[in-house]
Amino acid sequence: MGVEFLNRTKKTIRKHVDTKRAELATPGLFTVNPVNQPRRTIASISAGVNVANGEVLIVETKGGRVSLRRGNSVVGSFDNPAGDVISAIEKSGGAANGIVGRVHKLSKKAEVSLC
């Protein structure tokens, strides 16, 4: 009876993959978690200056104006910076690093995020 029972039940026992569980584990359009990205501010680039995407610049504030520097030379400035951007830079000692996210060549503007 033992061998007959095993032969009879062998055909009904099989492995399978739970496809609904696999669907839950794969990311889709509405299951992707948003990532934290820093706020970007629009800056005007000075005439004759080239800025590249991903370049790290020094963001400095003096008297309510925010300027972008590469070393000692001024590369550009923020047109109309928000109050929280100015206060964040002033809290860090008046200077911070900024990463150029995207450069708009026709308008001579760049998106800069503070580090």
C-alpha atoms as a PDB file:
ATOM      1  CA  MET A   1       0.000   0.000   0.000  1.00  0.00           C
ATOM      2  CA  GLY A   2       2.860   2.418   0.592  1.00  0.00           C
ATOM      3  CA  VAL A   3       4.241   2.245  -2.959  1.00  0.00           C
ATOM      4  CA  GLU A   4       0.771   2.406  -4.475  1.00  0.00           C
ATOM      5  CA  PHE A   5      -0.053   5.489  -2.396  1.00  0.00           C
ATOM      6  CA  LEU A   6       3.147   7.262  -3.457  1.00  0.00           C
ATOM      7  CA  ASN A   7       2.601   6.448  -7.111  1.00  0.00           C
ATOM      8  CA  ARG A   8      -0.962   7.754  -6.910  1.00  0.00           C
ATOM      9  CA  THR A   9      -0.066  11.016  -5.131  1.00  0.00           C
ATOM     10  CA  LYS A  10       3.133  11.715  -7.100  1.00  0.00           C
ATOM     11  CA  LYS A  11       1.216  13.094 -10.069  1.00  0.00           C
ATOM     12  CA  THR A  12      -0.856  15.553  -8.025  1.00  0.00           C
ATOM     13  CA  ILE A  13       2.017  17.157  -6.109  1.00  0.00           C
ATOM     14  CA  ARG A  14       3.841  19.721  -8.283  1.00  0.00           C
ATOM     15  CA  LYS A  15       5.598  23.001  -7.765  1.00  0.00           C
ATOM     16  CA  HIS A  16       4.209  26.228  -9.097  1.00  0.00           C
ATOM     17  CA  VAL A  17       4.958  29.933  -8.922  1.00  0.00           C
ATOM     18  CA  ASP A  18       2.373  32.196  -7.354  1.00  0.00           C
ATOM     19  CA  THR A  19       1.992  34.735 -10.174  1.00  0.00           C
ATOM     20  CA  LYS A  20      -0.135  37.176  -8.169  1.00  0.00           C
ATOM     21  CA  ARG A  21       2.557  37.368  -5.493  1.00  0.00           C
ATOM     22  CA  ALA A  22       5.180  37.999  -8.181  1.00  0.00           C
ATOM     23  CA  GLU A  23       3.006  40.806  -9.618  1.00  0.00           C
ATOM     24  CA  LEU A  24       2.819  42.452  -6.211  1.00  0.00           C
ATOM     25  CA  ALA A  25       6.597  42.388  -5.882  1.00  0.00           C
ATOM     26  CA  THR A  26       7.316  44.012  -9.270  1.00  0.00           C
ATOM     27  CA  PRO A  27       7.154  47.819  -9.412  1.00  0.00           C
ATOM     28  CA  GLY A  28       4.577  49.419 -11.643  1.00  0.00           C
ATOM     29  CA  LEU A  29       3.350  52.888 -12.459  1.00  0.00           C
ATOM     30  CA  PHE A  30       1.590  53.464  -9.157  1.00  0.00           C
ATOM     31  CA  THR A  31       3.848  51.423  -6.855  1.00  0.00           C
ATOM     32  CA  VAL A  32       7.075  53.399  -7.321  1.00  0.00           C
ATOM     33  CA  ASN A  33       8.021  55.341  -4.208  1.00  0.00           C
ATOM     34  CA  PRO A  34       9.001  58.974  -4.789  1.00  0.00           C
ATOM     35  CA  VAL A  35      12.557  59.932  -3.964  1.00  0.00           C
ATOM     36  CA  ASN A  36      13.594  63.072  -2.147  1.00  0.00           C
ATOM     37  CA  GLN A  37      15.112  65.620  -4.458  1.00  0.00           C
ATOM     38  CA  PRO A  38      16.442  69.010  -3.428  1.00  0.00           C
ATOM     39  CA  ARG A  39      14.646  72.156  -4.483  1.00  0.00           C
ATOM     40  CA  ARG A  40      15.972  73.751  -7.661  1.00  0.00           C
ATOM     41  CA  THR A  41      16.209  77.486  -8.233  1.00  0.00           C
ATOM     42  CA  ILE A  42      16.612  79.277 -11.562  1.00  0.00           C
ATOM     43  CA  ALA A  43      19.824  81.279 -11.965  1.00  0.00           C
ATOM     44  CA  SER A  44      20.948  83.621 -14.734  1.00  0.00           C
ATOM     45  CA  ILE A  45      24.320  82.798 -16.260  1.00  0.00           C
ATOM     46  CA  SER A  46      26.704  85.674 -16.970  1.00  0.00           C
ATOM     47  CA  ALA A  47      27.572  86.523 -20.560  1.00  0.00           C
ATOM     48  CA  GLY A  48      30.458  84.547 -22.021  1.00  0.00           C
ATOM     49  CA  VAL A  49      30.400  81.852 -19.334  1.00  0.00           C
ATOM     50  CA  ASN A  50      29.744  78.178 -20.025  1.00  0.00           C
ATOM     51  CA  VAL A  51      28.267  75.978 -17.298  1.00  0.00           C
ATOM     52  CA  ALA A  52      27.895  72.193 -17.577  1.00  0.00           C
ATOM     53  CA  ASN A  53      25.256  69.876 -16.148  1.00  0.00           C
ATOM     54  CA  GLY A  54      26.386  68.383 -12.844  1.00  0.00           C
ATOM     55  CA  GLU A  55      28.996  71.065 -12.190  1.00  0.00           C
ATOM     56  CA  VAL A  56      29.461  72.064  -8.540  1.00  0.00           C
ATOM     57  CA  LEU A  57      29.472  75.819  -7.926  1.00  0.00           C
ATOM     58  CA  ILE A  58      29.740  77.976  -4.806  1.00  0.00           C
ATOM     59  CA  VAL A  59      26.491  79.752  -3.927  1.00  0.00           C
ATOM     60  CA  GLU A  60      27.151  82.896  -1.902  1.00  0.00           C
ATOM     61  CA  THR A  61      24.854  85.542  -0.448  1.00  0.00           C
ATOM     62  CA  LYS A  62      25.663  89.186   0.274  1.00  0.00           C
ATOM     63  CA  GLY A  63      23.130  91.892   1.005  1.00  0.00           C
ATOM     64  CA  GLY A  64      20.160  89.880  -0.186  1.00  0.00           C
ATOM     65  CA  ARG A  65      21.758  88.991  -3.535  1.00  0.00           C
ATOM     66  CA  VAL A  66      22.756  85.415  -4.265  1.00  0.00           C
ATOM     67  CA  SER A  67      25.651  84.832  -6.648  1.00  0.00           C
ATOM     68  CA  LEU A  68      27.171  81.728  -8.205  1.00  0.00           C
ATOM     69  CA  ARG A  69      30.944  81.413  -8.211  1.00  0.00           C
ATOM     70  CA  ARG A  70      33.481  79.117  -9.804  1.00  0.00           C
ATOM     71  CA  GLY A  71      36.556  79.706  -7.704  1.00  0.00           C
ATOM     72  CA  ASN A  72      36.907  83.505  -7.435  1.00  0.00           C
ATOM     73  CA  SER A  73      35.027  84.429 -10.596  1.00  0.00           C
ATOM     74  CA  VAL A  74      31.284  85.156 -10.648  1.00  0.00           C
ATOM     75  CA  VAL A  75      29.447  82.799 -12.992  1.00  0.00           C
ATOM     76  CA  GLY A  76      25.870  83.982 -12.448  1.00  0.00           C
ATOM     77  CA  SER A  77      23.247  85.022  -9.953  1.00  0.00           C
ATOM     78  CA  PHE A  78      19.760  84.063  -8.817  1.00  0.00           C
ATOM     79  CA  ASP A  79      17.137  86.342 -10.336  1.00  0.00           C
ATOM     80  CA  ASN A  80      14.523  86.380  -7.606  1.00  0.00           C
ATOM     81  CA  PRO A  81      15.534  83.952  -4.841  1.00  0.00           C
ATOM     82  CA  ALA A  82      12.943  82.811  -2.328  1.00  0.00           C
ATOM     83  CA  GLY A  83      13.329  83.868   1.291  1.00  0.00           C
ATOM     84  CA  ASP A  84      13.871  80.313   2.510  1.00  0.00           C
ATOM     85  CA  VAL A  85      16.719  79.837   0.016  1.00  0.00           C
ATOM     86  CA  ILE A  86      18.457  82.980   1.257  1.00  0.00           C
ATOM     87  CA  SER A  87      17.954  82.027   4.906  1.00  0.00           C
ATOM     88  CA  ALA A  88      19.258  78.492   4.289  1.00  0.00           C
ATOM     89  CA  ILE A  89      22.439  79.888   2.730  1.00  0.00           C
ATOM     90  CA  GLU A  90      22.888  82.437   5.528  1.00  0.00           C
ATOM     91  CA  LYS A  91      22.450  79.703   8.170  1.00  0.00           C
ATOM     92  CA  SER A  92      25.284  77.729   6.568  1.00  0.00           C
ATOM     93  CA  GLY A  93      27.715  80.633   6.963  1.00  0.00           C
ATOM     94  CA  GLY A  94      26.803  82.663   3.884  1.00  0.00           C
ATOM     95  CA  ALA A  95      28.051  80.094   1.369  1.00  0.00           C
ATOM     96  CA  ALA A  96      26.907  76.687   0.161  1.00  0.00           C
ATOM     97  CA  ASN A  97      27.554  74.274  -2.673  1.00  0.00           C
ATOM     98  CA  GLY A  98      25.171  74.214  -5.596  1.00  0.00           C
ATOM     99  CA  ILE A  99      24.886  71.562  -8.285  1.00  0.00           C
ATOM    100  CA  VAL A 100      23.814  72.597 -11.766  1.00  0.00           C
ATOM    101  CA  GLY A 101      20.917  70.332 -12.695  1.00  0.00           C
ATOM    102  CA  ARG A 102      20.026  71.555 -16.156  1.00  0.00           C
ATOM    103  CA  VAL A 103      21.301  74.322 -18.409  1.00  0.00           C
ATOM    104  CA  HIS A 104      18.990  76.232 -20.763  1.00  0.00           C
ATOM    105  CA  LYS A 105      21.355  77.585 -23.410  1.00  0.00           C
ATOM    106  CA  LEU A 106      18.909  79.783 -25.311  1.00  0.00           C
ATOM    107  CA  SER A 107      17.727  81.712 -22.266  1.00  0.00           C
ATOM    108  CA  LYS A 108      21.125  81.618 -20.484  1.00  0.00           C
ATOM    109  CA  LYS A 109      19.472  80.141 -17.382  1.00  0.00           C
ATOM    110  CA  ALA A 110      20.411  77.155 -15.225  1.00  0.00           C
ATOM    111  CA  GLU A 111      18.592  75.110 -12.611  1.00  0.00           C
ATOM    112  CA  VAL A 112      20.734  74.956  -9.457  1.00  0.00           C
ATOM    113  CA  SER A 113      20.022  72.801  -6.411  1.00  0.00           C
ATOM    114  CA  LEU A 114      21.600  73.540  -3.047  1.00  0.00           C
ATOM    115  CA  CYS A 115      23.554  70.823  -1.240  1.00  0.00           C
END
